[in-house]
Amino acid sequence: MIELRPWSDDELSILQQTLGDNAMMEHLGGIESCDQILARHRRYLVASGAGGMFAIFLAPDLRVGTTGFWERTWQGRSVYETGWMILPEFAARGIATEAALAIVQRARGERRFDSLHAFPSVSNSASNAVCRKAGFVNLGECAFEYPKGRVMRCNDWTVLLG
C-alpha cells in the first residue's frame, strides 16, 4: 500500500534520482540539468491552483517515486494532466498503477474538470500499461510537446472524472 504525501523540501532527492537519470528520462527527452531540477523542485513547492505534486512512499521514510496532476489546456479545453515516475528498483510492483488510481480519485474530488489525461510516449510500454490498468481509455496517438521545444509521439490516455 502506498501513501501520497504533498511535495515538500525533502523531495528534492527524488527529483535528482529520477530527472537526473538517463534510463528514467529515456522517453522524456533526456536528463535535466542540476539547475533545471532545482527550478522544477521550486515550482512544485510553490505550485498554486488545482492539482498538486506528491511523493510516493512505501514506508515512513521510503520514497519510491513521484506523481501529480495539474491543469492544462488540451485541444481547446481545460483538463487535468497527470504523470508519474517510479525508481527502477521499485518498478514492476504495481506502485505506478496504484499511484495513478489515487491521482484519479484526487482529481475527481476537485470537481473542476471532466477529464484527466496522461501522455506517455508511444514507445514507453510501462507507462502505457499503467494507464490501461488504471482504467484510462486510449484516444490514440498525438503530437505532444515535452520538454518545451521538443515534440514527441504520445498516446492520449484519458479517464472521465464526472
N, C-alpha and C. Protein backbone atom coordinates (compact mmCIF):
# COMPACT_ATOMS: atom_id res chain seq x y z
N MET A 1 0.84 -1.18 0.00
CA MET A 1 0.00 0.00 0.00
C MET A 1 0.88 1.24 0.00
N ILE A 2 0.56 2.16 -0.90
CA ILE A 2 1.35 3.38 -1.00
C ILE A 2 0.71 4.50 -0.18
N GLU A 3 1.50 5.53 0.05
CA GLU A 3 1.00 6.77 0.63
C GLU A 3 1.48 7.91 -0.24
N LEU A 4 0.57 8.81 -0.61
CA LEU A 4 0.94 10.02 -1.33
C LEU A 4 1.07 11.14 -0.32
N ARG A 5 2.22 11.83 -0.35
CA ARG A 5 2.43 12.97 0.55
C ARG A 5 2.68 14.21 -0.29
N PRO A 6 2.08 15.33 0.09
CA PRO A 6 2.31 16.57 -0.66
C PRO A 6 3.79 16.91 -0.74
N TRP A 7 4.16 17.54 -1.84
CA TRP A 7 5.55 17.91 -2.10
C TRP A 7 6.09 18.77 -0.98
N SER A 8 7.33 18.51 -0.56
CA SER A 8 7.99 19.29 0.49
C SER A 8 9.46 19.47 0.12
N ASP A 9 10.16 20.25 0.93
CA ASP A 9 11.60 20.46 0.71
C ASP A 9 12.37 19.15 0.67
N ASP A 10 11.88 18.14 1.39
CA ASP A 10 12.58 16.86 1.47
C ASP A 10 12.55 16.07 0.17
N GLU A 11 11.75 16.49 -0.80
CA GLU A 11 11.58 15.69 -2.03
C GLU A 11 12.61 15.97 -3.12
N LEU A 12 13.49 16.92 -2.92
CA LEU A 12 14.50 17.22 -3.95
C LEU A 12 15.27 15.98 -4.36
N SER A 13 15.61 15.14 -3.42
CA SER A 13 16.43 13.95 -3.72
C SER A 13 15.73 13.01 -4.71
N ILE A 14 14.41 12.90 -4.63
CA ILE A 14 13.71 12.01 -5.56
C ILE A 14 13.75 12.57 -6.97
N LEU A 15 13.72 13.90 -7.10
CA LEU A 15 13.86 14.51 -8.43
C LEU A 15 15.26 14.27 -8.99
N GLN A 16 16.26 14.38 -8.13
CA GLN A 16 17.63 14.14 -8.58
C GLN A 16 17.81 12.69 -9.05
N GLN A 17 17.16 11.76 -8.37
CA GLN A 17 17.26 10.35 -8.73
C GLN A 17 16.48 10.00 -10.00
N THR A 18 15.45 10.76 -10.30
CA THR A 18 14.62 10.44 -11.47
C THR A 18 14.98 11.32 -12.66
N LEU A 19 14.88 12.63 -12.52
CA LEU A 19 15.11 13.54 -13.64
C LEU A 19 16.58 13.62 -14.05
N GLY A 20 17.46 13.21 -13.16
CA GLY A 20 18.89 13.23 -13.46
C GLY A 20 19.43 11.89 -13.92
N ASP A 21 18.55 10.93 -14.19
CA ASP A 21 18.96 9.58 -14.57
C ASP A 21 18.60 9.30 -16.02
N ASN A 22 19.60 8.89 -16.81
CA ASN A 22 19.37 8.65 -18.24
C ASN A 22 18.27 7.63 -18.51
N ALA A 23 18.28 6.53 -17.78
CA ALA A 23 17.28 5.49 -18.02
C ALA A 23 15.87 5.98 -17.69
N MET A 24 15.75 6.75 -16.60
CA MET A 24 14.44 7.26 -16.20
C MET A 24 13.89 8.26 -17.21
N MET A 25 14.77 8.99 -17.86
CA MET A 25 14.36 10.05 -18.76
C MET A 25 14.42 9.66 -20.24
N GLU A 26 14.62 8.37 -20.49
CA GLU A 26 14.74 7.86 -21.86
C GLU A 26 13.58 8.29 -22.75
N HIS A 27 12.36 8.25 -22.24
CA HIS A 27 11.17 8.57 -23.03
C HIS A 27 10.73 10.02 -22.88
N LEU A 28 11.51 10.82 -22.17
CA LEU A 28 11.09 12.19 -21.87
C LEU A 28 12.11 13.23 -22.30
N GLY A 29 12.89 12.93 -23.30
CA GLY A 29 13.78 13.94 -23.86
C GLY A 29 15.14 14.05 -23.22
N GLY A 30 15.50 13.16 -22.32
CA GLY A 30 16.82 13.20 -21.71
C GLY A 30 16.82 13.87 -20.35
N ILE A 31 17.96 13.74 -19.67
CA ILE A 31 18.07 14.21 -18.29
C ILE A 31 17.97 15.74 -18.21
N GLU A 32 17.58 16.20 -17.03
CA GLU A 32 17.56 17.62 -16.74
C GLU A 32 18.84 17.97 -16.00
N SER A 33 19.30 19.20 -16.20
CA SER A 33 20.50 19.67 -15.50
C SER A 33 20.17 19.90 -14.03
N CYS A 34 21.21 20.07 -13.22
CA CYS A 34 21.01 20.35 -11.79
C CYS A 34 20.17 21.61 -11.61
N ASP A 35 20.43 22.64 -12.41
CA ASP A 35 19.65 23.88 -12.31
C ASP A 35 18.19 23.65 -12.70
N GLN A 36 17.94 22.85 -13.73
CA GLN A 36 16.57 22.55 -14.14
C GLN A 36 15.83 21.76 -13.06
N ILE A 37 16.51 20.82 -12.45
CA ILE A 37 15.90 20.02 -11.38
C ILE A 37 15.55 20.90 -10.20
N LEU A 38 16.46 21.78 -9.81
CA LEU A 38 16.19 22.69 -8.69
C LEU A 38 15.04 23.63 -9.02
N ALA A 39 14.99 24.13 -10.24
CA ALA A 39 13.88 25.02 -10.65
C ALA A 39 12.55 24.27 -10.62
N ARG A 40 12.55 23.02 -11.07
CA ARG A 40 11.32 22.21 -11.03
C ARG A 40 10.89 21.99 -9.58
N HIS A 41 11.84 21.66 -8.74
CA HIS A 41 11.54 21.46 -7.31
C HIS A 41 10.88 22.71 -6.73
N ARG A 42 11.43 23.88 -7.04
CA ARG A 42 10.85 25.13 -6.54
C ARG A 42 9.44 25.34 -7.08
N ARG A 43 9.22 25.02 -8.38
CA ARG A 43 7.87 25.15 -8.95
C ARG A 43 6.89 24.24 -8.23
N TYR A 44 7.33 23.04 -7.94
CA TYR A 44 6.46 22.10 -7.23
C TYR A 44 6.11 22.62 -5.84
N LEU A 45 7.08 23.25 -5.18
CA LEU A 45 6.86 23.77 -3.83
C LEU A 45 5.87 24.93 -3.81
N VAL A 46 5.91 25.77 -4.83
CA VAL A 46 5.07 26.96 -4.84
C VAL A 46 3.86 26.83 -5.77
N ALA A 47 3.66 25.63 -6.28
CA ALA A 47 2.54 25.43 -7.21
C ALA A 47 1.25 25.92 -6.57
N SER A 48 0.50 26.66 -7.38
CA SER A 48 -0.79 27.14 -6.89
C SER A 48 -1.88 26.66 -7.83
N GLY A 49 -3.10 26.80 -7.41
CA GLY A 49 -4.22 26.36 -8.22
C GLY A 49 -4.51 24.89 -7.99
N ALA A 50 -5.28 24.34 -8.88
CA ALA A 50 -5.73 22.94 -8.74
C ALA A 50 -4.57 21.97 -8.97
N GLY A 51 -4.73 20.83 -8.40
CA GLY A 51 -3.75 19.77 -8.58
C GLY A 51 -2.67 19.84 -7.53
N GLY A 52 -1.63 19.13 -7.79
CA GLY A 52 -0.53 19.13 -6.87
C GLY A 52 0.45 18.04 -7.19
N MET A 53 1.59 18.13 -6.59
CA MET A 53 2.62 17.12 -6.74
C MET A 53 2.78 16.38 -5.42
N PHE A 54 3.10 15.10 -5.56
CA PHE A 54 3.19 14.22 -4.40
C PHE A 54 4.39 13.31 -4.52
N ALA A 55 4.96 12.99 -3.38
CA ALA A 55 5.97 11.93 -3.31
C ALA A 55 5.21 10.65 -2.97
N ILE A 56 5.65 9.55 -3.56
CA ILE A 56 5.05 8.25 -3.30
C ILE A 56 5.93 7.53 -2.29
N PHE A 57 5.32 7.11 -1.18
CA PHE A 57 6.03 6.41 -0.12
C PHE A 57 5.50 4.99 0.02
N LEU A 58 6.42 4.04 0.31
CA LEU A 58 6.03 2.68 0.67
C LEU A 58 6.13 2.44 2.16
N ALA A 59 6.93 3.22 2.81
CA ALA A 59 7.13 3.13 4.26
C ALA A 59 7.37 4.55 4.75
N PRO A 60 7.37 4.79 6.05
CA PRO A 60 7.50 6.16 6.55
C PRO A 60 8.66 6.96 5.96
N ASP A 61 9.78 6.33 5.70
CA ASP A 61 10.93 7.05 5.16
C ASP A 61 11.40 6.51 3.83
N LEU A 62 10.54 5.81 3.11
CA LEU A 62 10.95 5.18 1.85
C LEU A 62 10.20 5.80 0.68
N ARG A 63 10.85 6.82 0.07
CA ARG A 63 10.32 7.45 -1.13
C ARG A 63 10.63 6.57 -2.32
N VAL A 64 9.62 6.29 -3.14
CA VAL A 64 9.85 5.40 -4.28
C VAL A 64 9.48 6.05 -5.61
N GLY A 65 8.93 7.27 -5.57
CA GLY A 65 8.58 7.92 -6.83
C GLY A 65 7.82 9.20 -6.62
N THR A 66 7.31 9.71 -7.75
CA THR A 66 6.55 10.95 -7.75
C THR A 66 5.30 10.77 -8.62
N THR A 67 4.30 11.57 -8.31
CA THR A 67 3.11 11.63 -9.15
C THR A 67 2.44 12.97 -8.89
N GLY A 68 1.49 13.30 -9.72
CA GLY A 68 0.77 14.54 -9.51
C GLY A 68 -0.25 14.76 -10.61
N PHE A 69 -0.97 15.86 -10.47
CA PHE A 69 -1.87 16.30 -11.53
C PHE A 69 -1.93 17.81 -11.52
N TRP A 70 -2.18 18.37 -12.69
CA TRP A 70 -2.14 19.82 -12.86
C TRP A 70 -3.07 20.19 -14.00
N GLU A 71 -3.42 21.46 -14.03
CA GLU A 71 -4.30 21.97 -15.06
C GLU A 71 -3.50 22.25 -16.33
N ARG A 72 -4.11 21.96 -17.49
CA ARG A 72 -3.52 22.33 -18.77
C ARG A 72 -4.63 22.53 -19.77
N THR A 73 -4.32 23.22 -20.83
CA THR A 73 -5.25 23.35 -21.95
C THR A 73 -4.88 22.29 -22.97
N TRP A 74 -5.87 21.50 -23.36
CA TRP A 74 -5.64 20.44 -24.34
C TRP A 74 -6.79 20.47 -25.34
N GLN A 75 -6.44 20.65 -26.59
CA GLN A 75 -7.42 20.70 -27.67
C GLN A 75 -8.52 21.72 -27.38
N GLY A 76 -8.10 22.87 -26.86
CA GLY A 76 -9.01 23.98 -26.63
C GLY A 76 -9.85 23.90 -25.37
N ARG A 77 -9.58 22.92 -24.51
CA ARG A 77 -10.35 22.77 -23.27
C ARG A 77 -9.41 22.69 -22.08
N SER A 78 -9.93 23.06 -20.93
CA SER A 78 -9.17 22.89 -19.68
C SER A 78 -9.40 21.49 -19.16
N VAL A 79 -8.29 20.79 -18.91
CA VAL A 79 -8.34 19.42 -18.40
C VAL A 79 -7.25 19.29 -17.33
N TYR A 80 -7.24 18.16 -16.66
CA TYR A 80 -6.11 17.83 -15.81
C TYR A 80 -5.18 16.91 -16.59
N GLU A 81 -3.89 17.05 -16.31
CA GLU A 81 -2.88 16.14 -16.83
C GLU A 81 -2.22 15.47 -15.63
N THR A 82 -1.76 14.25 -15.82
CA THR A 82 -1.07 13.53 -14.76
C THR A 82 0.18 12.87 -15.29
N GLY A 83 1.05 12.52 -14.39
CA GLY A 83 2.26 11.77 -14.72
C GLY A 83 2.83 11.16 -13.46
N TRP A 84 3.79 10.27 -13.64
CA TRP A 84 4.40 9.57 -12.50
C TRP A 84 5.78 9.08 -12.89
N MET A 85 6.60 8.85 -11.90
CA MET A 85 7.92 8.24 -12.07
C MET A 85 8.17 7.36 -10.85
N ILE A 86 8.58 6.14 -11.10
CA ILE A 86 8.90 5.19 -10.03
C ILE A 86 10.37 4.81 -10.18
N LEU A 87 11.10 4.85 -9.08
CA LEU A 87 12.51 4.46 -9.13
C LEU A 87 12.64 3.03 -9.66
N PRO A 88 13.66 2.76 -10.48
CA PRO A 88 13.79 1.45 -11.13
C PRO A 88 13.75 0.26 -10.17
N GLU A 89 14.33 0.40 -8.99
CA GLU A 89 14.36 -0.73 -8.06
C GLU A 89 12.99 -1.06 -7.49
N PHE A 90 12.00 -0.19 -7.74
CA PHE A 90 10.63 -0.43 -7.27
C PHE A 90 9.64 -0.62 -8.43
N ALA A 91 10.18 -0.69 -9.64
CA ALA A 91 9.33 -0.85 -10.82
C ALA A 91 8.72 -2.25 -10.87
N ALA A 92 7.67 -2.37 -11.65
CA ALA A 92 7.00 -3.65 -11.91
C ALA A 92 6.42 -4.29 -10.65
N ARG A 93 6.00 -3.45 -9.70
CA ARG A 93 5.37 -3.94 -8.47
C ARG A 93 3.93 -3.42 -8.33
N GLY A 94 3.45 -2.71 -9.34
CA GLY A 94 2.10 -2.15 -9.29
C GLY A 94 2.01 -0.80 -8.59
N ILE A 95 3.15 -0.23 -8.21
CA ILE A 95 3.16 1.04 -7.49
C ILE A 95 2.65 2.18 -8.37
N ALA A 96 3.09 2.24 -9.61
CA ALA A 96 2.64 3.31 -10.51
C ALA A 96 1.15 3.22 -10.76
N THR A 97 0.63 2.01 -10.93
CA THR A 97 -0.80 1.84 -11.14
C THR A 97 -1.58 2.29 -9.91
N GLU A 98 -1.11 1.91 -8.74
CA GLU A 98 -1.77 2.33 -7.50
C GLU A 98 -1.74 3.86 -7.36
N ALA A 99 -0.62 4.47 -7.72
CA ALA A 99 -0.49 5.93 -7.66
C ALA A 99 -1.42 6.58 -8.67
N ALA A 100 -1.51 6.03 -9.87
CA ALA A 100 -2.40 6.58 -10.89
C ALA A 100 -3.86 6.51 -10.43
N LEU A 101 -4.25 5.41 -9.83
CA LEU A 101 -5.62 5.28 -9.31
C LEU A 101 -5.88 6.30 -8.20
N ALA A 102 -4.89 6.54 -7.35
CA ALA A 102 -5.04 7.53 -6.27
C ALA A 102 -5.17 8.94 -6.84
N ILE A 103 -4.41 9.23 -7.89
CA ILE A 103 -4.48 10.56 -8.51
C ILE A 103 -5.83 10.76 -9.19
N VAL A 104 -6.37 9.73 -9.80
CA VAL A 104 -7.71 9.83 -10.39
C VAL A 104 -8.71 10.25 -9.32
N GLN A 105 -8.64 9.63 -8.15
CA GLN A 105 -9.57 9.97 -7.07
C GLN A 105 -9.37 11.40 -6.57
N ARG A 106 -8.12 11.82 -6.46
CA ARG A 106 -7.86 13.20 -6.01
C ARG A 106 -8.37 14.21 -7.03
N ALA A 107 -8.11 13.95 -8.31
CA ALA A 107 -8.59 14.85 -9.36
C ALA A 107 -10.12 14.87 -9.40
N ARG A 108 -10.72 13.72 -9.25
CA ARG A 108 -12.18 13.61 -9.21
C ARG A 108 -12.74 14.46 -8.06
N GLY A 109 -12.06 14.44 -6.93
CA GLY A 109 -12.51 15.20 -5.77
C GLY A 109 -12.45 16.71 -5.95
N GLU A 110 -11.63 17.18 -6.87
CA GLU A 110 -11.54 18.62 -7.14
C GLU A 110 -12.79 19.16 -7.83
N ARG A 111 -13.45 18.32 -8.61
CA ARG A 111 -14.70 18.68 -9.31
C ARG A 111 -14.57 19.93 -10.17
N ARG A 112 -13.43 20.10 -10.82
CA ARG A 112 -13.22 21.27 -11.67
C ARG A 112 -13.32 20.92 -13.15
N PHE A 113 -12.75 19.79 -13.55
CA PHE A 113 -12.73 19.43 -14.96
C PHE A 113 -13.30 18.04 -15.13
N ASP A 114 -13.72 17.74 -16.35
CA ASP A 114 -14.39 16.46 -16.57
C ASP A 114 -13.46 15.34 -16.97
N SER A 115 -12.16 15.65 -17.20
CA SER A 115 -11.26 14.56 -17.60
C SER A 115 -9.84 14.79 -17.11
N LEU A 116 -9.14 13.67 -16.98
CA LEU A 116 -7.74 13.62 -16.59
C LEU A 116 -7.01 12.89 -17.71
N HIS A 117 -5.90 13.46 -18.19
CA HIS A 117 -5.16 12.88 -19.30
C HIS A 117 -3.74 12.53 -18.88
N ALA A 118 -3.21 11.49 -19.48
CA ALA A 118 -1.79 11.13 -19.37
C ALA A 118 -1.27 11.00 -20.79
N PHE A 119 -0.02 11.40 -21.01
CA PHE A 119 0.56 11.42 -22.34
C PHE A 119 1.89 10.68 -22.40
N PRO A 120 1.90 9.38 -22.15
CA PRO A 120 3.18 8.66 -22.25
C PRO A 120 3.60 8.51 -23.71
N SER A 121 4.89 8.51 -23.91
CA SER A 121 5.44 8.25 -25.24
C SER A 121 4.90 6.93 -25.77
N VAL A 122 4.66 6.86 -27.07
CA VAL A 122 4.16 5.60 -27.64
C VAL A 122 5.16 4.47 -27.41
N SER A 123 6.43 4.79 -27.22
CA SER A 123 7.45 3.77 -27.00
C SER A 123 7.62 3.38 -25.53
N ASN A 124 6.90 4.04 -24.62
CA ASN A 124 7.04 3.74 -23.19
C ASN A 124 5.97 2.71 -22.80
N SER A 125 6.30 1.45 -23.02
CA SER A 125 5.33 0.38 -22.78
C SER A 125 4.90 0.30 -21.32
N ALA A 126 5.80 0.59 -20.40
CA ALA A 126 5.45 0.50 -18.97
C ALA A 126 4.39 1.54 -18.60
N SER A 127 4.57 2.79 -19.01
CA SER A 127 3.59 3.83 -18.67
C SER A 127 2.28 3.63 -19.41
N ASN A 128 2.34 3.13 -20.63
CA ASN A 128 1.09 2.83 -21.35
C ASN A 128 0.33 1.72 -20.65
N ALA A 129 1.05 0.74 -20.11
CA ALA A 129 0.40 -0.34 -19.37
C ALA A 129 -0.24 0.18 -18.08
N VAL A 130 0.43 1.12 -17.40
CA VAL A 130 -0.14 1.72 -16.19
C VAL A 130 -1.47 2.39 -16.53
N CYS A 131 -1.49 3.14 -17.60
CA CYS A 131 -2.74 3.82 -18.00
C CYS A 131 -3.86 2.80 -18.23
N ARG A 132 -3.56 1.76 -18.94
CA ARG A 132 -4.56 0.72 -19.23
C ARG A 132 -5.06 0.07 -17.93
N LYS A 133 -4.14 -0.29 -17.05
CA LYS A 133 -4.50 -0.96 -15.79
C LYS A 133 -5.28 -0.03 -14.86
N ALA A 134 -5.04 1.27 -14.96
CA ALA A 134 -5.71 2.24 -14.09
C ALA A 134 -7.05 2.69 -14.66
N GLY A 135 -7.46 2.11 -15.78
CA GLY A 135 -8.78 2.40 -16.32
C GLY A 135 -8.86 3.57 -17.27
N PHE A 136 -7.72 4.09 -17.72
CA PHE A 136 -7.72 5.15 -18.72
C PHE A 136 -8.09 4.55 -20.08
N VAL A 137 -8.67 5.37 -20.94
CA VAL A 137 -9.02 4.96 -22.30
C VAL A 137 -8.05 5.65 -23.25
N ASN A 138 -7.50 4.88 -24.19
CA ASN A 138 -6.55 5.44 -25.15
C ASN A 138 -7.32 6.08 -26.30
N LEU A 139 -7.19 7.40 -26.42
CA LEU A 139 -7.85 8.14 -27.50
C LEU A 139 -7.02 8.16 -28.77
N GLY A 140 -5.83 7.57 -28.73
CA GLY A 140 -4.98 7.48 -29.91
C GLY A 140 -3.70 8.29 -29.78
N GLU A 141 -2.88 8.19 -30.81
CA GLU A 141 -1.61 8.90 -30.83
C GLU A 141 -1.81 10.38 -31.09
N CYS A 142 -0.88 11.17 -30.55
CA CYS A 142 -0.92 12.61 -30.75
C CYS A 142 0.50 13.16 -30.70
N ALA A 143 0.65 14.36 -31.22
CA ALA A 143 1.91 15.09 -31.08
C ALA A 143 1.81 15.86 -29.77
N PHE A 144 2.85 15.77 -28.95
CA PHE A 144 2.82 16.39 -27.63
C PHE A 144 4.17 17.04 -27.38
N GLU A 145 4.16 18.29 -26.93
CA GLU A 145 5.41 19.00 -26.69
C GLU A 145 5.92 18.74 -25.27
N TYR A 146 7.03 18.04 -25.17
CA TYR A 146 7.71 17.82 -23.89
C TYR A 146 9.10 17.28 -24.15
N PRO A 147 10.09 17.87 -23.55
CA PRO A 147 10.04 19.15 -22.87
C PRO A 147 9.79 20.28 -23.87
N LYS A 148 9.66 21.49 -23.35
CA LYS A 148 9.37 22.64 -24.20
C LYS A 148 10.33 22.67 -25.39
N GLY A 149 9.77 22.78 -26.57
CA GLY A 149 10.57 22.83 -27.78
C GLY A 149 10.80 21.49 -28.45
N ARG A 150 10.35 20.40 -27.82
CA ARG A 150 10.54 19.06 -28.40
C ARG A 150 9.18 18.37 -28.52
N VAL A 151 8.82 18.03 -29.74
CA VAL A 151 7.55 17.34 -29.97
C VAL A 151 7.80 15.84 -30.00
N MET A 152 7.00 15.11 -29.26
CA MET A 152 7.13 13.66 -29.22
C MET A 152 5.80 13.02 -29.57
N ARG A 153 5.87 11.75 -29.99
CA ARG A 153 4.65 10.99 -30.29
C ARG A 153 4.21 10.32 -28.99
N CYS A 154 2.99 10.63 -28.60
CA CYS A 154 2.45 10.10 -27.35
C CYS A 154 1.10 9.46 -27.60
N ASN A 155 0.66 8.69 -26.64
CA ASN A 155 -0.72 8.24 -26.60
C ASN A 155 -1.47 9.19 -25.68
N ASP A 156 -2.68 9.55 -26.06
CA ASP A 156 -3.54 10.40 -25.25
C ASP A 156 -4.50 9.49 -24.49
N TRP A 157 -4.14 9.19 -23.25
CA TRP A 157 -4.98 8.37 -22.38
C TRP A 157 -5.83 9.28 -21.53
N THR A 158 -7.08 8.95 -21.32
CA THR A 158 -7.96 9.79 -20.51
C THR A 158 -8.88 8.94 -19.64
N VAL A 159 -9.29 9.54 -18.56
CA VAL A 159 -10.32 8.96 -17.69
C VAL A 159 -11.30 10.08 -17.38
N LEU A 160 -12.59 9.76 -17.44
CA LEU A 160 -13.61 10.74 -17.11
C LEU A 160 -13.71 10.88 -15.61
N LEU A 161 -13.90 12.11 -15.15
CA LEU A 161 -13.92 12.38 -13.71
C LEU A 161 -15.33 12.61 -13.17
N GLY A 162 -16.27 12.84 -14.04
CA GLY A 162 -17.65 13.17 -13.62
C GLY A 162 -18.46 12.02 -13.14
